[in-house]
PDB file of N, CA and C in Angstrom:
ATOM      1  N   MET A   1     180.889 -20.945 124.983  1.00  0.00           N
ATOM      2  CA  MET A   1     180.904 -21.742 123.762  1.00  0.00           C
ATOM      3  C   MET A   1     181.663 -20.977 122.682  1.00  0.00           C
ATOM      4  N   GLU A   2     182.539 -21.682 121.991  1.00  0.00           N
ATOM      5  CA  GLU A   2     183.347 -21.092 120.928  1.00  0.00           C
ATOM      6  C   GLU A   2     182.478 -20.784 119.708  1.00  0.00           C
ATOM      7  N   PRO A   3     182.684 -19.618 119.051  1.00  0.00           N
ATOM      8  CA  PRO A   3     181.925 -19.306 117.834  1.00  0.00           C
ATOM      9  C   PRO A   3     182.205 -20.343 116.744  1.00  0.00           C
ATOM     10  N   THR A   4     181.208 -20.621 115.918  1.00  0.00           N
ATOM     11  CA  THR A   4     181.354 -21.636 114.879  1.00  0.00           C
ATOM     12  C   THR A   4     180.842 -21.114 113.538  1.00  0.00           C
ATOM     13  N   ILE A   5     181.222 -21.835 112.497  1.00  0.00           N
ATOM     14  CA  ILE A   5     180.715 -21.599 111.153  1.00  0.00           C
ATOM     15  C   ILE A   5     180.339 -22.946 110.543  1.00  0.00           C
ATOM     16  N   GLU A   6     179.478 -22.905 109.536  1.00  0.00           N
ATOM     17  CA  GLU A   6     179.089 -24.129 108.852  1.00  0.00           C
ATOM     18  C   GLU A   6     179.998 -24.337 107.645  1.00  0.00           C
ATOM     19  N   LEU A   7     180.564 -25.526 107.527  1.00  0.00           N
ATOM     20  CA  LEU A   7     181.392 -25.903 106.388  1.00  0.00           C
ATOM     21  C   LEU A   7     180.615 -26.907 105.557  1.00  0.00           C
ATOM     22  N   ARG A   8     180.496 -26.616 104.267  1.00  0.00           N
ATOM     23  CA  ARG A   8     179.847 -27.536 103.326  1.00  0.00           C
ATOM     24  C   ARG A   8     180.760 -27.736 102.130  1.00  0.00           C
ATOM     25  N   VAL A   9     180.839 -28.965 101.659  1.00  0.00           N
ATOM     26  CA  VAL A   9     181.522 -29.270 100.401  1.00  0.00           C
ATOM     27  C   VAL A   9     180.485 -29.934  99.503  1.00  0.00           C
ATOM     28  N   VAL A  10     180.337 -29.366  98.304  1.00  0.00           N
ATOM     29  CA  VAL A  10     179.332 -29.848  97.362  1.00  0.00           C
ATOM     30  C   VAL A  10     180.026 -30.208  96.064  1.00  0.00           C
ATOM     31  N   SER A  11     179.716 -31.398  95.538  1.00  0.00           N
ATOM     32  CA  SER A  11     180.256 -31.822  94.246  1.00  0.00           C
ATOM     33  C   SER A  11     179.087 -32.032  93.288  1.00  0.00           C
ATOM     34  N   HIS A  12     179.393 -32.429  92.075  1.00  0.00           N
ATOM     35  CA  HIS A  12     178.340 -32.668  91.090  1.00  0.00           C
ATOM     36  C   HIS A  12     177.377 -33.766  91.537  1.00  0.00           C
ATOM     37  N   SER A  13     177.832 -34.646  92.425  1.00  0.00           N
ATOM     38  CA  SER A  13     176.967 -35.734  92.901  1.00  0.00           C
ATOM     39  C   SER A  13     176.205 -35.382  94.176  1.00  0.00           C
ATOM     40  N   GLY A  14     176.409 -34.181  94.704  1.00  0.00           N
ATOM     41  CA  GLY A  14     175.680 -33.763  95.904  1.00  0.00           C
ATOM     42  C   GLY A  14     176.611 -33.319  97.015  1.00  0.00           C
ATOM     43  N   GLU A  15     176.046 -33.141  98.186  1.00  0.00           N
ATOM     44  CA  GLU A  15     176.821 -32.695  99.342  1.00  0.00           C
ATOM     45  C   GLU A  15     177.687 -33.835  99.868  1.00  0.00           C
ATOM     46  N   THR A  16     178.994 -33.597  99.977  1.00  0.00           N
ATOM     47  CA  THR A  16     179.901 -34.642 100.436  1.00  0.00           C
ATOM     48  C   THR A  16     180.410 -34.400 101.850  1.00  0.00           C
ATOM     49  N   LEU A  17     180.228 -33.171 102.352  1.00  0.00           N
ATOM     50  CA  LEU A  17     180.644 -32.867 103.719  1.00  0.00           C
ATOM     51  C   LEU A  17     179.796 -31.730 104.250  1.00  0.00           C
ATOM     52  N   ARG A  18     179.343 -31.881 105.484  1.00  0.00           N
ATOM     53  CA  ARG A  18     178.672 -30.803 106.212  1.00  0.00           C
ATOM     54  C   ARG A  18     179.125 -30.924 107.656  1.00  0.00           C
ATOM     55  N   ALA A  19     179.662 -29.824 108.196  1.00  0.00           N
ATOM     56  CA  ALA A  19     180.160 -29.847 109.571  1.00  0.00           C
ATOM     57  C   ALA A  19     180.046 -28.455 110.174  1.00  0.00           C
ATOM     58  N   VAL A  20     179.901 -28.410 111.476  1.00  0.00           N
ATOM     59  CA  VAL A  20     179.951 -27.160 112.229  1.00  0.00           C
ATOM     60  C   VAL A  20     181.353 -27.070 112.800  1.00  0.00           C
ATOM     61  N   VAL A  21     182.089 -26.029 112.409  1.00  0.00           N
ATOM     62  CA  VAL A  21     183.519 -25.960 112.700  1.00  0.00           C
ATOM     63  C   VAL A  21     183.887 -24.624 113.321  1.00  0.00           C
ATOM     64  N   SER A  22     185.072 -24.590 113.921  1.00  0.00           N
ATOM     65  CA  SER A  22     185.578 -23.343 114.499  1.00  0.00           C
ATOM     66  C   SER A  22     186.628 -22.689 113.594  1.00  0.00           C
ATOM     67  N   HIS A  23     187.179 -23.449 112.642  1.00  0.00           N
ATOM     68  CA  HIS A  23     188.245 -22.943 111.784  1.00  0.00           C
ATOM     69  C   HIS A  23     188.343 -23.810 110.533  1.00  0.00           C
ATOM     70  N   VAL A  24     188.623 -23.170 109.389  1.00  0.00           N
ATOM     71  CA  VAL A  24     188.832 -23.890 108.126  1.00  0.00           C
ATOM     72  C   VAL A  24     190.102 -23.339 107.489  1.00  0.00           C
ATOM     73  N   ARG A  25     190.934 -24.213 106.930  1.00  0.00           N
ATOM     74  CA  ARG A  25     192.134 -23.783 106.205  1.00  0.00           C
ATOM     75  C   ARG A  25     192.160 -24.519 104.872  1.00  0.00           C
ATOM     76  N   MET A  26     192.454 -23.764 103.794  1.00  0.00           N
ATOM     77  CA  MET A  26     192.550 -24.345 102.455  1.00  0.00           C
ATOM     78  C   MET A  26     193.553 -23.546 101.640  1.00  0.00           C
ATOM     79  N   THR A  27     193.830 -23.993 100.417  1.00  0.00           N
ATOM     80  CA  THR A  27     194.850 -23.357  99.602  1.00  0.00           C
ATOM     81  C   THR A  27     194.259 -22.827  98.305  1.00  0.00           C
ATOM     82  N   SER A  28     194.558 -21.570  98.029  1.00  0.00           N
ATOM     83  CA  SER A  28     194.170 -20.921  96.773  1.00  0.00           C
ATOM     84  C   SER A  28     195.422 -20.736  95.924  1.00  0.00           C
ATOM     85  N   PRO A  29     195.279 -20.287  94.688  1.00  0.00           N
ATOM     86  CA  PRO A  29     196.474 -20.025  93.866  1.00  0.00           C
ATOM     87  C   PRO A  29     197.404 -18.970  94.484  1.00  0.00           C
ATOM     88  N   ASN A  30     196.869 -18.136  95.374  1.00  0.00           N
ATOM     89  CA  ASN A  30     197.681 -17.100  96.031  1.00  0.00           C
ATOM     90  C   ASN A  30     198.266 -17.557  97.360  1.00  0.00           C
ATOM     91  N   GLY A  31     198.020 -18.787  97.756  1.00  0.00           N
ATOM     92  CA  GLY A  31     198.555 -19.306  99.009  1.00  0.00           C
ATOM     93  C   GLY A  31     197.467 -19.831  99.924  1.00  0.00           C
ATOM     94  N   SER A  32     197.896 -20.316 101.065  1.00  0.00           N
ATOM     95  CA  SER A  32     196.997 -20.890 102.068  1.00  0.00           C
ATOM     96  C   SER A  32     196.284 -19.767 102.814  1.00  0.00           C
ATOM     97  N   PHE A  33     195.022 -20.021 103.175  1.00  0.00           N
ATOM     98  CA  PHE A  33     194.288 -19.046 103.978  1.00  0.00           C
ATOM     99  C   PHE A  33     193.353 -19.759 104.939  1.00  0.00           C
ATOM    100  N   GLY A  34     193.048 -19.086 106.021  1.00  0.00           N
ATOM    101  CA  GLY A  34     192.149 -19.625 107.025  1.00  0.00           C
ATOM    102  C   GLY A  34     190.902 -18.783 107.138  1.00  0.00           C
ATOM    103  N   VAL A  35     189.832 -19.413 107.603  1.00  0.00           N
ATOM    104  CA  VAL A  35     188.554 -18.745 107.804  1.00  0.00           C
ATOM    105  C   VAL A  35     188.090 -19.018 109.228  1.00  0.00           C
ATOM    106  N   LEU A  36     187.788 -17.942 109.939  1.00  0.00           N
ATOM    107  CA  LEU A  36     187.218 -18.010 111.282  1.00  0.00           C
ATOM    108  C   LEU A  36     185.816 -17.428 111.246  1.00  0.00           C
ATOM    109  N   PRO A  37     184.979 -17.692 112.251  1.00  0.00           N
ATOM    110  CA  PRO A  37     183.664 -17.060 112.315  1.00  0.00           C
ATOM    111  C   PRO A  37     183.804 -15.538 112.231  1.00  0.00           C
ATOM    112  N   GLY A  38     182.901 -14.918 111.474  1.00  0.00           N
ATOM    113  CA  GLY A  38     182.929 -13.475 111.305  1.00  0.00           C
ATOM    114  C   GLY A  38     183.787 -12.998 110.153  1.00  0.00           C
ATOM    115  N   HIS A  39     184.342 -13.925 109.362  1.00  0.00           N
ATOM    116  CA  HIS A  39     185.206 -13.578 108.233  1.00  0.00           C
ATOM    117  C   HIS A  39     184.436 -12.714 107.223  1.00  0.00           C
ATOM    118  N   ALA A  40     185.131 -11.816 106.559  1.00  0.00           N
ATOM    119  CA  ALA A  40     184.529 -11.003 105.504  1.00  0.00           C
ATOM    120  C   ALA A  40     184.122 -11.893 104.330  1.00  0.00           C
ATOM    121  N   PRO A  41     183.037 -11.565 103.667  1.00  0.00           N
ATOM    122  CA  PRO A  41     182.619 -12.352 102.503  1.00  0.00           C
ATOM    123  C   PRO A  41     183.679 -12.330 101.405  1.00  0.00           C
ATOM    124  N   MET A  42     183.825 -13.468 100.731  1.00  0.00           N
ATOM    125  CA  MET A  42     184.790 -13.562  99.625  1.00  0.00           C
ATOM    126  C   MET A  42     184.516 -14.796  98.786  1.00  0.00           C
ATOM    127  N   LEU A  43     185.048 -14.783  97.580  1.00  0.00           N
ATOM    128  CA  LEU A  43     185.085 -15.954  96.706  1.00  0.00           C
ATOM    129  C   LEU A  43     186.545 -16.239  96.419  1.00  0.00           C
ATOM    130  N   ALA A  44     186.916 -17.511  96.379  1.00  0.00           N
ATOM    131  CA  ALA A  44     188.310 -17.867  96.109  1.00  0.00           C
ATOM    132  C   ALA A  44     188.369 -19.176  95.341  1.00  0.00           C
ATOM    133  N   ALA A  45     189.260 -19.238  94.369  1.00  0.00           N
ATOM    134  CA  ALA A  45     189.559 -20.508  93.711  1.00  0.00           C
ATOM    135  C   ALA A  45     190.329 -21.366  94.711  1.00  0.00           C
ATOM    136  N   ILE A  46     190.046 -22.657  94.733  1.00  0.00           N
ATOM    137  CA  ILE A  46     190.692 -23.588  95.656  1.00  0.00           C
ATOM    138  C   ILE A  46     191.478 -24.611  94.838  1.00  0.00           C
ATOM    139  N   LEU A  47     192.744 -24.797  95.206  1.00  0.00           N
ATOM    140  CA  LEU A  47     193.582 -25.775  94.527  1.00  0.00           C
ATOM    141  C   LEU A  47     193.311 -27.183  95.056  1.00  0.00           C
ATOM    142  N   PRO A  48     193.611 -28.207  94.249  1.00  0.00           N
ATOM    143  CA  PRO A  48     193.522 -29.571  94.761  1.00  0.00           C
ATOM    144  C   PRO A  48     194.425 -29.725  95.985  1.00  0.00           C
ATOM    145  N   GLY A  49     193.964 -30.456  96.956  1.00  0.00           N
ATOM    146  CA  GLY A  49     194.736 -30.677  98.178  1.00  0.00           C
ATOM    147  C   GLY A  49     193.826 -30.893  99.358  1.00  0.00           C
ATOM    148  N   GLU A  50     194.251 -30.414 100.507  1.00  0.00           N
ATOM    149  CA  GLU A  50     193.521 -30.663 101.750  1.00  0.00           C
ATOM    150  C   GLU A  50     192.755 -29.431 102.223  1.00  0.00           C
ATOM    151  N   ILE A  51     191.554 -29.683 102.696  1.00  0.00           N
ATOM    152  CA  ILE A  51     190.820 -28.707 103.492  1.00  0.00           C
ATOM    153  C   ILE A  51     190.951 -29.199 104.926  1.00  0.00           C
ATOM    154  N   ILE A  52     191.515 -28.379 105.772  1.00  0.00           N
ATOM    155  CA  ILE A  52     191.723 -28.753 107.178  1.00  0.00           C
ATOM    156  C   ILE A  52     190.724 -27.966 108.010  1.00  0.00           C
ATOM    157  N   TYR A  53     190.011 -28.653 108.891  1.00  0.00           N
ATOM    158  CA  TYR A  53     189.021 -27.970 109.717  1.00  0.00           C
ATOM    159  C   TYR A  53     189.020 -28.533 111.124  1.00  0.00           C
ATOM    160  N   ASP A  54     188.651 -27.673 112.071  1.00  0.00           N
ATOM    161  CA  ASP A  54     188.584 -28.046 113.482  1.00  0.00           C
ATOM    162  C   ASP A  54     187.137 -27.992 113.933  1.00  0.00           C
ATOM    163  N   ASP A  55     186.722 -29.029 114.652  1.00  0.00           N
ATOM    164  CA  ASP A  55     185.410 -29.010 115.289  1.00  0.00           C
ATOM    165  C   ASP A  55     185.564 -29.422 116.742  1.00  0.00           C
ATOM    166  N   ASP A  56     184.464 -29.673 117.417  1.00  0.00           N
ATOM    167  CA  ASP A  56     184.534 -30.002 118.844  1.00  0.00           C
ATOM    168  C   ASP A  56     185.180 -31.360 119.124  1.00  0.00           C
ATOM    169  N   LYS A  57     185.441 -32.155 118.080  1.00  0.00           N
ATOM    170  CA  LYS A  57     186.089 -33.455 118.254  1.00  0.00           C
ATOM    171  C   LYS A  57     187.555 -33.445 117.854  1.00  0.00           C
ATOM    172  N   GLY A  58     188.041 -32.298 117.327  1.00  0.00           N
ATOM    173  CA  GLY A  58     189.446 -32.223 116.951  1.00  0.00           C
ATOM    174  C   GLY A  58     189.649 -31.719 115.541  1.00  0.00           C
ATOM    175  N   ARG A  59     190.820 -32.010 114.993  1.00  0.00           N
ATOM    176  CA  ARG A  59     191.212 -31.567 113.656  1.00  0.00           C
ATOM    177  C   ARG A  59     190.944 -32.676 112.648  1.00  0.00           C
ATOM    178  N   HIS A  60     190.425 -32.276 111.480  1.00  0.00           N
ATOM    179  CA  HIS A  60     190.088 -33.232 110.427  1.00  0.00           C
ATOM    180  C   HIS A  60     190.630 -32.732 109.094  1.00  0.00           C
ATOM    181  N   THR A  61     190.761 -33.646 108.153  1.00  0.00           N
ATOM    182  CA  THR A  61     191.237 -33.319 106.814  1.00  0.00           C
ATOM    183  C   THR A  61     190.270 -33.886 105.791  1.00  0.00           C
ATOM    184  N   TYR A  62     189.956 -33.074 104.804  1.00  0.00           N
ATOM    185  CA  TYR A  62     189.127 -33.493 103.675  1.00  0.00           C
ATOM    186  C   TYR A  62     189.952 -33.248 102.414  1.00  0.00           C
ATOM    187  N   VAL A  63     190.099 -34.240 101.555  1.00  0.00           N
ATOM    188  CA  VAL A  63     190.871 -34.094 100.327  1.00  0.00           C
ATOM    189  C   VAL A  63     189.940 -33.616  99.218  1.00  0.00           C
ATOM    190  N   THR A  64     190.319 -32.499  98.608  1.00  0.00           N
ATOM    191  CA  THR A  64     189.506 -31.917  97.549  1.00  0.00           C
ATOM    192  C   THR A  64     190.261 -31.929  96.219  1.00  0.00           C
ATOM    193  N   GLN A  65     189.505 -31.961  95.151  1.00  0.00           N
ATOM    194  CA  GLN A  65     190.082 -31.873  93.810  1.00  0.00           C
ATOM    195  C   GLN A  65     190.175 -30.425  93.342  1.00  0.00           C
ATOM    196  N   GLY A  66     189.823 -29.496  94.224  1.00  0.00           N
ATOM    197  CA  GLY A  66     189.840 -28.085  93.877  1.00  0.00           C
ATOM    198  C   GLY A  66     188.448 -27.602  93.545  1.00  0.00           C
ATOM    199  N   GLY A  67     188.319 -26.307  93.305  1.00  0.00           N
ATOM    200  CA  GLY A  67     187.025 -25.735  92.982  1.00  0.00           C
ATOM    201  C   GLY A  67     186.968 -24.282  93.392  1.00  0.00           C
ATOM    202  N   VAL A  68     185.822 -23.880  93.919  1.00  0.00           N
ATOM    203  CA  VAL A  68     185.591 -22.499  94.339  1.00  0.00           C
ATOM    204  C   VAL A  68     185.018 -22.508  95.752  1.00  0.00           C
ATOM    205  N   ALA A  69     185.520 -21.598  96.598  1.00  0.00           N
ATOM    206  CA  ALA A  69     184.993 -21.454  97.951  1.00  0.00           C
ATOM    207  C   ALA A  69     184.248 -20.134  98.065  1.00  0.00           C
ATOM    208  N   GLN A  70     183.036 -20.201  98.610  1.00  0.00           N
ATOM    209  CA  GLN A  70     182.265 -19.004  98.923  1.00  0.00           C
ATOM    210  C   GLN A  70     182.260 -18.868 100.437  1.00  0.00           C
ATOM    211  N   VAL A  71     182.764 -17.744 100.921  1.00  0.00           N
ATOM    212  CA  VAL A  71     182.874 -17.500 102.358  1.00  0.00           C
ATOM    213  C   VAL A  71     181.911 -16.381 102.745  1.00  0.00           C
ATOM    214  N   THR A  72     181.148 -16.599 103.816  1.00  0.00           N
ATOM    215  CA  THR A  72     180.350 -15.547 104.434  1.00  0.00           C
ATOM    216  C   THR A  72     180.763 -15.489 105.904  1.00  0.00           C
ATOM    217  N   SER A  73     180.151 -14.608 106.658  1.00  0.00           N
ATOM    218  CA  SER A  73     180.532 -14.473 108.058  1.00  0.00           C
ATOM    219  C   SER A  73     180.215 -15.715 108.887  1.00  0.00           C
ATOM    220  N   ASP A  74     179.290 -16.563 108.408  1.00  0.00           N
ATOM    221  CA  ASP A  74     178.909 -17.741 109.195  1.00  0.00           C
ATOM    222  C   ASP A  74     178.935 -19.056 108.417  1.00  0.00           C
ATOM    223  N   SER A  75     179.545 -19.042 107.209  1.00  0.00           N
ATOM    224  CA  SER A  75     179.609 -20.291 106.458  1.00  0.00           C
ATOM    225  C   SER A  75     180.739 -20.281 105.434  1.00  0.00           C
ATOM    226  N   VAL A  76     181.160 -21.499 105.085  1.00  0.00           N
ATOM    227  CA  VAL A  76     182.103 -21.720 103.984  1.00  0.00           C
ATOM    228  C   VAL A  76     181.509 -22.832 103.134  1.00  0.00           C
ATOM    229  N   THR A  77     181.280 -22.546 101.851  1.00  0.00           N
ATOM    230  CA  THR A  77     180.796 -23.559 100.924  1.00  0.00           C
ATOM    231  C   THR A  77     181.833 -23.739  99.837  1.00  0.00           C
ATOM    232  N   VAL A  78     182.316 -24.974  99.693  1.00  0.00           N
ATOM    233  CA  VAL A  78     183.279 -25.303  98.655  1.00  0.00           C
ATOM    234  C   VAL A  78     182.535 -26.096  97.582  1.00  0.00           C
ATOM    235  N   MET A  79     182.602 -25.577  96.345  1.00  0.00           N
ATOM    236  CA  MET A  79     181.986 -26.270  95.223  1.00  0.00           C
ATOM    237  C   MET A  79     183.094 -26.895  94.397  1.00  0.00           C
ATOM    238  N   GLU A  80     183.137 -28.232  94.441  1.00  0.00           N
ATOM    239  CA  GLU A  80     184.203 -28.964  93.735  1.00  0.00           C
ATOM    240  C   GLU A  80     183.849 -29.142  92.275  1.00  0.00           C
TER     241      GLU A  80
END
């Protein structure tokens, strides 16, 4: 079984996305970056655009208005 991480997107109205994923890609002011399971903890500003993630059903896209991403070794939480 492929290692996974939990992806959550939270807005002022509540949780808008929750998924168990193998990879997440998003864009910060410093450029695009990806997150895999076991990633070092970090905080990053996220620009408006797409969050691309892969799960057991394939590749998906979530359109975000930007915000902040909190990354841990087993999760990514984007606060819009």
